[in-house]
N, C-alpha and C. Protein backbone atom coordinates (compact mmCIF):
# COMPACT_ATOMS: atom_id res chain seq x y z
N MET A 1 0.68 -1.11 -0.09
CA MET A 1 0.12 -0.02 0.36
C MET A 1 1.02 0.93 0.25
N ALA A 2 0.69 2.31 -0.64
CA ALA A 2 1.32 3.13 -0.89
C ALA A 2 1.19 4.16 -0.01
N LYS A 3 2.20 5.04 0.71
CA LYS A 3 2.39 5.73 1.99
C LYS A 3 1.67 7.09 1.77
N THR A 4 1.36 7.65 2.24
CA THR A 4 0.27 9.28 1.73
C THR A 4 1.16 10.22 2.39
N ASN A 5 1.86 10.90 1.11
CA ASN A 5 2.76 12.17 1.35
C ASN A 5 1.76 13.11 2.26
N PHE A 6 2.06 13.45 3.72
CA PHE A 6 1.27 14.41 4.20
C PHE A 6 2.01 15.82 4.02
N ALA A 7 2.78 15.62 3.68
CA ALA A 7 3.95 17.19 4.13
C ALA A 7 3.06 17.40 2.66
N TYR A 8 2.88 17.21 1.89
CA TYR A 8 2.13 17.69 0.10
C TYR A 8 0.59 17.79 0.84
N GLU A 9 0.08 16.85 2.02
CA GLU A 9 -1.83 17.34 1.65
C GLU A 9 -1.59 18.41 2.80
N LYS A 10 -0.01 18.76 3.81
CA LYS A 10 -0.32 19.64 4.60
C LYS A 10 0.14 21.11 3.85
N ARG A 11 0.81 21.41 3.01
CA ARG A 11 0.94 22.08 2.18
C ARG A 11 -0.27 22.91 0.88
N GLN A 12 -0.87 21.31 1.00
CA GLN A 12 -1.96 22.34 0.16
C GLN A 12 -3.04 23.01 0.81
N ARG A 13 -3.26 22.23 2.54
CA ARG A 13 -4.21 22.83 3.37
C ARG A 13 -3.88 24.28 3.77
N GLU A 14 -2.47 24.77 3.95
CA GLU A 14 -1.61 25.64 3.92
C GLU A 14 -2.04 26.82 2.51
N LEU A 15 -2.14 26.56 1.67
CA LEU A 15 -2.29 27.00 0.91
C LEU A 15 -3.90 28.12 0.09
N GLU A 16 -4.51 26.69 0.78
CA GLU A 16 -5.79 26.84 0.71
C GLU A 16 -6.30 28.27 1.60
N LYS A 17 -5.58 28.22 2.93
CA LYS A 17 -5.98 29.19 3.70
C LYS A 17 -5.43 30.26 3.38
N LYS A 18 -4.50 30.06 2.90
CA LYS A 18 -4.03 31.59 2.08
C LYS A 18 -4.52 32.33 1.32
N LYS A 19 -5.37 31.43 0.58
CA LYS A 19 -5.91 31.87 -0.65
C LYS A 19 -7.36 32.22 -0.12
N LYS A 20 -7.89 31.96 0.53
CA LYS A 20 -9.30 32.39 1.59
C LYS A 20 -8.66 33.43 2.22
N ALA A 21 -7.74 33.39 3.00
CA ALA A 21 -7.37 34.97 3.43
C ALA A 21 -7.01 36.22 2.56
N GLU A 22 -6.32 35.45 1.76
CA GLU A 22 -6.30 37.07 0.57
C GLU A 22 -7.38 37.04 0.28
N GLU A 23 -8.41 36.64 -0.80
CA GLU A 23 -9.70 36.63 -0.71
C GLU A 23 -10.61 37.44 0.02
N LYS A 24 -10.75 37.13 1.20
CA LYS A 24 -10.96 37.76 2.41
C LYS A 24 -10.55 39.57 2.68
N ALA A 25 -9.34 39.85 2.71
CA ALA A 25 -8.72 40.76 2.58
C ALA A 25 -9.33 41.82 1.60
N ARG A 26 -9.06 41.38 0.37
CA ARG A 26 -9.34 42.16 -0.27
C ARG A 26 -11.32 42.39 -0.90
N ARG A 27 -12.16 41.83 0.07
CA ARG A 27 -13.18 41.80 -0.23
C ARG A 27 -13.28 43.22 0.95
N LYS A 28 -12.78 42.55 2.06
CA LYS A 28 -12.27 43.81 2.96
C LYS A 28 -11.75 45.47 2.31
N ALA A 29 -11.25 45.05 2.36
CA ALA A 29 -10.46 46.91 1.22
C ALA A 29 -11.57 47.39 0.28
N GLU A 30 -12.30 46.19 -0.64
CA GLU A 30 -13.05 46.51 -1.23
C GLU A 30 -14.37 47.71 -0.72
N ALA A 31 -15.04 46.69 0.74
CA ALA A 31 -15.79 47.37 1.03
C ALA A 31 -15.23 48.57 2.13
N LYS A 32 -14.33 48.77 2.43
CA LYS A 32 -13.91 49.56 2.74
C LYS A 32 -13.57 50.67 1.97
N ALA A 33 -13.67 50.96 0.45
CA ALA A 33 -13.13 51.90 -0.43
C ALA A 33 -14.25 52.46 -1.34
N ASN A 34 -15.31 51.42 -1.41
CA ASN A 34 -16.83 51.46 -1.72
C ASN A 34 -18.00 50.94 -0.93
N PRO A 35 -18.13 51.26 0.38
CA PRO A 35 -18.99 51.14 1.24
C PRO A 35 -20.41 50.54 0.83
N GLY A 36 -21.08 51.19 -0.09
CA GLY A 36 -22.32 51.05 -0.65
C GLY A 36 -22.16 49.98 -1.66
N LEU A 37 -21.49 50.24 -2.68
CA LEU A 37 -21.51 48.89 -3.61
C LEU A 37 -21.13 47.80 -3.15
N ALA A 38 -20.42 47.60 -2.56
CA ALA A 38 -20.05 46.86 -1.46
C ALA A 38 -21.51 45.43 -1.28
N GLU A 39 -21.97 46.24 -0.16
CA GLU A 39 -23.35 45.61 0.47
C GLU A 39 -24.68 45.32 -0.91
N SER A 40 -24.64 46.55 -2.27
CA SER A 40 -25.10 45.62 -3.03
C SER A 40 -24.21 44.95 -4.14
N GLU A 41 -23.02 43.99 -3.76
CA GLU A 41 -23.04 43.33 -4.80
C GLU A 41 -22.61 41.89 -3.86
N GLN A 42 -22.66 41.34 -2.87
CA GLN A 42 -23.19 40.87 -2.16
C GLN A 42 -24.91 40.21 -2.06
N GLU A 43 -25.35 41.25 -1.92
CA GLU A 43 -26.97 41.00 -2.00
C GLU A 43 -27.47 40.88 -3.57
N GLN A 44 -26.43 40.87 -5.17
CA GLN A 44 -26.82 40.45 -6.33
C GLN A 44 -26.46 38.98 -6.31
N ALA A 45 -25.36 38.60 -5.36
CA ALA A 45 -24.29 37.10 -5.13
C ALA A 45 -25.45 36.32 -4.91
N LEU A 46 -25.99 37.31 -3.46
CA LEU A 46 -27.23 35.65 -2.83
C LEU A 46 -28.10 35.83 -3.91
N ASP A 47 -28.40 37.18 -4.53
CA ASP A 47 -29.93 36.89 -5.78
C ASP A 47 -29.61 35.48 -6.34
N SER A 48 -28.25 36.22 -7.60
CA SER A 48 -28.44 35.07 -8.35
C SER A 48 -27.74 33.19 -7.48
N ASP A 49 -27.55 33.28 -6.68
CA ASP A 49 -27.31 31.89 -5.98
C ASP A 49 -28.64 31.08 -5.98
N ASP A 50 -29.36 32.10 -4.95
CA ASP A 50 -30.81 31.27 -5.43
C ASP A 50 -31.58 31.10 -6.33
N ASP A 51 -31.46 32.21 -7.22
CA ASP A 51 -32.04 31.75 -8.84
C ASP A 51 -31.62 30.69 -9.41
N ALA A 52 -30.02 30.50 -9.25
CA ALA A 52 -29.43 28.66 -9.11
C ALA A 52 -29.75 27.66 -9.13
N ASP A 53 -30.61 27.98 -7.38
CA ASP A 53 -30.89 26.78 -6.48
C ASP A 53 -32.04 26.04 -7.33
N GLN A 54 -33.17 27.47 -7.42
CA GLN A 54 -34.41 26.80 -7.93
C GLN A 54 -34.70 26.73 -8.78
N ALA A 55 -33.46 26.87 -9.94
CA ALA A 55 -33.14 26.66 -11.24
C ALA A 55 -33.30 25.10 -11.07
N GLY A 56 -32.55 24.82 -9.85
CA GLY A 56 -31.95 23.47 -10.27
C GLY A 56 -33.37 22.84 -9.77
N MET A 57 -33.58 22.78 -9.01
CA MET A 57 -35.00 22.45 -7.83
C MET A 57 -36.38 22.13 -9.85
N THR A 58 -36.62 22.67 -10.49
CA THR A 58 -37.41 22.65 -11.14
C THR A 58 -37.48 21.82 -12.02
N GLY A 59 -36.09 21.10 -12.30
CA GLY A 59 -36.09 20.20 -14.09
C GLY A 59 -36.04 18.48 -13.19
N ASP A 60 -36.93 18.36 -12.27
CA ASP A 60 -37.45 17.12 -11.63
C ASP A 60 -38.66 16.64 -12.58
């Protein structure tokens, strides 16, 4: 049986955490620069996600 490469898996988890942290920092910076704009974008994103969910349910 093959040995698990724990170092590789750990590195991948670290990269994913770093990517998430950078994305969060970018969103925070955008929200700080454009307070009203960031909120409306989030609402639009949520609305589009809901629309996609509903579209998937009607295919039954």
